[in-house]
Structures are given as C-alpha cells and as structure tokens.
C-alpha cells in the first residue's frame, strides 16, 4: 500500500513532534517497498453435497489446512436451506454456506 504525500503530511501535522522521525522513516519504507504480488482464489459453495470439500479448500486458503467442519455444521446448513426466504435481505445457500465456513474456520476452537 502506498501512502500519498498529502496524507503523510496530514498525519504528520496531527502527530506529536517526537513521532515525526519515526513516521518519516516508515513512510519512506512503505513508499519504496515492493509488495509480493497477490492472487485471487475462487471458493464457491454451490451445494451442500460438496460443502466439506470446499470447506477444506477454504481452510487451506486461509492458512488453516487440515480443518474440517464440525459434526453438526452440515445438518445446520441443511435446516437453513429449507427455511422461509420471503423477506427482504434474505441470503441464499451459497452465501450462508460461505459465511458459516469463514466463521467456523477463523473462529476460536470450542
């Protein structure tokens, strides 16, 4: 991420004078640092039949390889799949499967 010179001066103006040398040093480092190229991965939860496979793939992408969904998670998602969706703001199967997997992978172990 690069920080513009204008943003740097706005930050510097609000910072205590004692912090100015440190901020200048960090700005110069950030300005000229070459970041590693990033890549995008697609992880789609289209059906519950492949949920465990996609869960394992997402866990690997998030740095938690080897994680598996808790025993009752697929059953919970099947109940959610058949709930009433006739209201504004309701999300579909792929969305709540994705969100459940992210929360389960990144959440603390119980």
Protein backbone atom coordinates (compact mmCIF):
# COMPACT_ATOMS: atom_id res chain seq x y z
CA UNK A 1 0.00 0.00 0.00
CA UNK A 2 1.37 3.37 -0.89
CA UNK A 3 0.61 6.47 1.12
CA UNK A 4 0.31 9.74 -0.73
CA UNK A 5 2.47 12.66 0.26
CA UNK A 6 -0.63 14.70 1.14
CA UNK A 7 -1.91 12.00 3.51
CA UNK A 8 1.54 11.72 5.06
CA UNK A 9 1.64 15.47 5.79
CA UNK A 10 -1.89 15.39 7.26
CA UNK A 11 -0.80 12.58 9.58
CA UNK A 12 2.44 14.33 10.42
CA UNK A 13 0.64 17.57 11.30
CA UNK A 14 -1.58 15.74 13.83
CA UNK A 15 1.25 13.69 15.34
CA UNK A 16 3.45 14.82 18.24
CA UNK A 17 6.80 16.22 17.11
CA UNK A 18 8.65 13.40 18.83
CA UNK A 19 6.99 10.92 16.45
CA UNK A 20 7.97 12.74 13.24
CA UNK A 21 11.28 10.94 12.60
CA UNK A 22 9.65 7.54 13.07
CA UNK A 23 6.75 8.47 10.78
CA UNK A 24 9.14 9.74 8.10
CA UNK A 25 11.17 6.54 8.27
CA UNK A 26 8.04 4.36 7.99
CA UNK A 27 6.66 6.44 5.13
CA UNK A 28 9.89 6.11 3.15
CA UNK A 29 9.98 2.35 3.75
CA UNK A 30 6.33 1.94 2.71
CA UNK A 31 6.78 4.16 -0.32
CA UNK A 32 9.62 2.16 -1.81
CA UNK A 33 8.82 -1.36 -0.61
CA UNK A 34 7.95 -3.86 -3.29
CA UNK A 35 4.95 -5.90 -2.19
CA UNK A 36 4.53 -9.52 -3.07
CA UNK A 37 2.11 -9.99 -5.93
CA UNK A 38 -1.28 -11.07 -4.71
CA UNK A 39 -3.56 -13.54 -6.35
CA UNK A 40 -7.26 -14.16 -6.12
CA UNK A 41 -8.82 -17.55 -5.49
CA UNK A 42 -12.41 -18.54 -6.10
CA UNK A 43 -14.12 -20.65 -3.50
CA UNK A 44 -17.80 -21.21 -4.27
CA UNK A 45 -20.20 -23.09 -2.01
CA UNK A 46 -22.81 -24.02 -4.62
CA UNK A 47 -24.24 -27.12 -2.94
CA UNK A 48 -24.14 -28.86 0.42
CA UNK A 49 -23.01 -32.11 -1.23
CA UNK A 50 -19.56 -30.56 -1.81
CA UNK A 51 -19.52 -28.45 1.38
CA UNK A 52 -16.82 -30.45 3.17
CA UNK A 53 -14.53 -30.36 0.12
CA UNK A 54 -14.98 -26.59 -0.32
CA UNK A 55 -14.57 -26.09 3.44
CA UNK A 56 -11.22 -27.89 3.38
CA UNK A 57 -10.13 -25.84 0.36
CA UNK A 58 -11.11 -22.56 2.02
CA UNK A 59 -9.38 -23.58 5.25
CA UNK A 60 -6.21 -24.18 3.26
CA UNK A 61 -6.52 -20.79 1.54
CA UNK A 62 -6.97 -19.09 4.92
CA UNK A 63 -3.90 -20.78 6.37
CA UNK A 64 -5.73 -23.42 8.42
CA UNK A 65 -5.05 -26.52 6.33
CA UNK A 66 -6.42 -29.75 7.73
CA UNK A 67 -9.52 -28.18 9.32
CA UNK A 68 -12.84 -29.96 8.81
CA UNK A 69 -16.36 -28.72 9.56
CA UNK A 70 -17.78 -29.53 12.98
CA UNK A 71 -20.07 -32.60 13.04
CA UNK A 72 -23.39 -30.70 13.18
CA UNK A 73 -22.50 -27.92 10.74
CA UNK A 74 -23.77 -29.59 7.56
CA UNK A 75 -27.00 -30.54 9.34
CA UNK A 76 -27.41 -26.89 10.44
CA UNK A 77 -26.88 -25.73 6.85
CA UNK A 78 -29.47 -28.22 5.56
CA UNK A 79 -32.02 -26.75 8.02
CA UNK A 80 -31.08 -23.25 6.89
CA UNK A 81 -31.50 -24.27 3.26
CA UNK A 82 -35.19 -25.07 3.85
CA UNK A 83 -36.08 -22.01 5.90
CA UNK A 84 -38.53 -19.36 4.73
CA UNK A 85 -36.84 -16.78 2.49
CA UNK A 86 -39.71 -14.47 1.61
CA UNK A 87 -38.32 -11.37 3.28
CA UNK A 88 -36.00 -8.57 2.17
CA UNK A 89 -32.35 -9.12 2.91
CA UNK A 90 -32.51 -12.92 2.94
CA UNK A 91 -29.34 -14.59 1.66
CA UNK A 92 -29.14 -17.78 -0.32
CA UNK A 93 -27.46 -21.13 0.18
CA UNK A 94 -24.08 -20.21 -1.28
CA UNK A 95 -23.84 -17.04 0.82
CA UNK A 96 -24.74 -18.54 4.18
CA UNK A 97 -22.58 -21.60 3.46
CA UNK A 98 -19.64 -19.32 2.71
CA UNK A 99 -20.21 -17.17 5.80
CA UNK A 100 -20.64 -20.21 8.05
CA UNK A 101 -17.40 -21.71 6.74
CA UNK A 102 -15.44 -18.49 7.25
CA UNK A 103 -16.75 -18.09 10.80
CA UNK A 104 -16.06 -21.74 11.59
CA UNK A 105 -12.51 -21.71 10.15
CA UNK A 106 -11.40 -18.40 11.65
CA UNK A 107 -13.36 -18.62 14.88
CA UNK A 108 -11.88 -19.98 18.09
CA UNK A 109 -11.96 -23.74 18.65
CA UNK A 110 -14.61 -24.89 21.08
